[in-house]
Amino acid sequence: MPETCSESDCDRPVAVELHIPWTENRFVCAAHARVLGRQDGVVADPLPDSESDLLEDGG
């Protein structure tokens, strides 16, 4: 598993594995998972120990 997002020009930490039926799964950051996970058939699976990357700082 990569340490950074698989999307080009993104160096954020991986937080989610996207299960994509028409291509290989991708490991992406929380921001890209929010956008890409809206496509029909895509399942976003948060990775263990990625809570801090998934939650926004409400402070």
C-alpha atoms as a PDB file:
ATOM      1  CA  MET A   1       0.000   0.000   0.000  1.00  0.00           C
ATOM      2  CA  PRO A   2       1.381   3.431  -0.888  1.00  0.00           C
ATOM      3  CA  GLU A   3       1.872   6.053   1.818  1.00  0.00           C
ATOM      4  CA  THR A   4       0.566   8.957  -0.264  1.00  0.00           C
ATOM      5  CA  CYS A   5      -2.521   9.449  -2.416  1.00  0.00           C
ATOM      6  CA  SER A   6      -2.459   7.715  -5.804  1.00  0.00           C
ATOM      7  CA  GLU A   7      -3.948  10.749  -7.581  1.00  0.00           C
ATOM      8  CA  SER A   8      -1.431  12.747  -9.595  1.00  0.00           C
ATOM      9  CA  ASP A   9       0.057  15.838  -7.938  1.00  0.00           C
ATOM     10  CA  CYS A  10      -1.301  14.888  -4.498  1.00  0.00           C
ATOM     11  CA  ASP A  11       1.010  14.167  -1.585  1.00  0.00           C
ATOM     12  CA  ARG A  12      -1.611  13.806   1.152  1.00  0.00           C
ATOM     13  CA  PRO A  13      -1.502  10.618   3.266  1.00  0.00           C
ATOM     14  CA  VAL A  14      -3.589   7.618   2.204  1.00  0.00           C
ATOM     15  CA  ALA A  15      -6.785   7.296   4.255  1.00  0.00           C
ATOM     16  CA  VAL A  16      -9.186   5.283   2.068  1.00  0.00           C
ATOM     17  CA  GLU A  17      -9.108   2.343  -0.315  1.00  0.00           C
ATOM     18  CA  LEU A  18     -11.547   2.825  -3.190  1.00  0.00           C
ATOM     19  CA  HIS A  19     -13.011  -0.388  -4.582  1.00  0.00           C
ATOM     20  CA  ILE A  20     -13.725   0.404  -8.242  1.00  0.00           C
ATOM     21  CA  PRO A  21     -15.505  -2.313 -10.255  1.00  0.00           C
ATOM     22  CA  TRP A  22     -14.216  -1.269 -13.691  1.00  0.00           C
ATOM     23  CA  THR A  23     -10.523  -0.853 -12.775  1.00  0.00           C
ATOM     24  CA  GLU A  24      -8.006  -1.633 -10.044  1.00  0.00           C
ATOM     25  CA  ASN A  25      -8.589  -0.427  -6.497  1.00  0.00           C
ATOM     26  CA  ARG A  26      -6.954   2.867  -5.565  1.00  0.00           C
ATOM     27  CA  PHE A  27      -5.547   4.174  -2.302  1.00  0.00           C
ATOM     28  CA  VAL A  28      -6.408   7.848  -1.917  1.00  0.00           C
ATOM     29  CA  CYS A  29      -6.508  10.670   0.598  1.00  0.00           C
ATOM     30  CA  ALA A  30      -9.741  11.683   2.339  1.00  0.00           C
ATOM     31  CA  ALA A  31     -10.313  14.636   0.004  1.00  0.00           C
ATOM     32  CA  HIS A  32     -10.114  12.552  -3.160  1.00  0.00           C
ATOM     33  CA  ALA A  33     -12.201   9.794  -1.546  1.00  0.00           C
ATOM     34  CA  ARG A  34     -15.028  12.276  -0.945  1.00  0.00           C
ATOM     35  CA  VAL A  35     -15.141  13.161  -4.635  1.00  0.00           C
ATOM     36  CA  LEU A  36     -14.337   9.820  -6.278  1.00  0.00           C
ATOM     37  CA  GLY A  37     -16.502   7.843  -3.858  1.00  0.00           C
ATOM     38  CA  ARG A  38     -19.642   9.481  -5.267  1.00  0.00           C
ATOM     39  CA  GLN A  39     -19.412   7.559  -8.534  1.00  0.00           C
ATOM     40  CA  ASP A  40     -21.903   4.717  -8.994  1.00  0.00           C
ATOM     41  CA  GLY A  41     -20.456   1.386  -7.940  1.00  0.00           C
ATOM     42  CA  VAL A  42     -17.436   2.791  -6.076  1.00  0.00           C
ATOM     43  CA  VAL A  43     -17.088   1.719  -2.445  1.00  0.00           C
ATOM     44  CA  ALA A  44     -14.901   3.783  -0.121  1.00  0.00           C
ATOM     45  CA  ASP A  45     -13.280   1.667   2.598  1.00  0.00           C
ATOM     46  CA  PRO A  46     -11.542   3.726   5.334  1.00  0.00           C
ATOM     47  CA  LEU A  47      -8.205   2.255   6.361  1.00  0.00           C
ATOM     48  CA  PRO A  48      -7.505   1.290   9.976  1.00  0.00           C
ATOM     49  CA  ASP A  49      -5.716   4.019  11.936  1.00  0.00           C
ATOM     50  CA  SER A  50      -6.727   6.758   9.466  1.00  0.00           C
ATOM     51  CA  GLU A  51      -9.201   8.569  11.742  1.00  0.00           C
ATOM     52  CA  SER A  52      -7.032  11.669  12.070  1.00  0.00           C
ATOM     53  CA  ASP A  53      -6.859  12.018   8.276  1.00  0.00           C
ATOM     54  CA  LEU A  54     -10.610  11.497   7.832  1.00  0.00           C
ATOM     55  CA  LEU A  55     -11.867  13.913  10.480  1.00  0.00           C
ATOM     56  CA  GLU A  56     -11.713  17.651   9.999  1.00  0.00           C
ATOM     57  CA  ASP A  57     -10.371  19.743  12.856  1.00  0.00           C
ATOM     58  CA  GLY A  58     -13.362  21.462  14.414  1.00  0.00           C
ATOM     59  CA  GLY A  59     -11.162  23.630  16.614  1.00  0.00           C
END
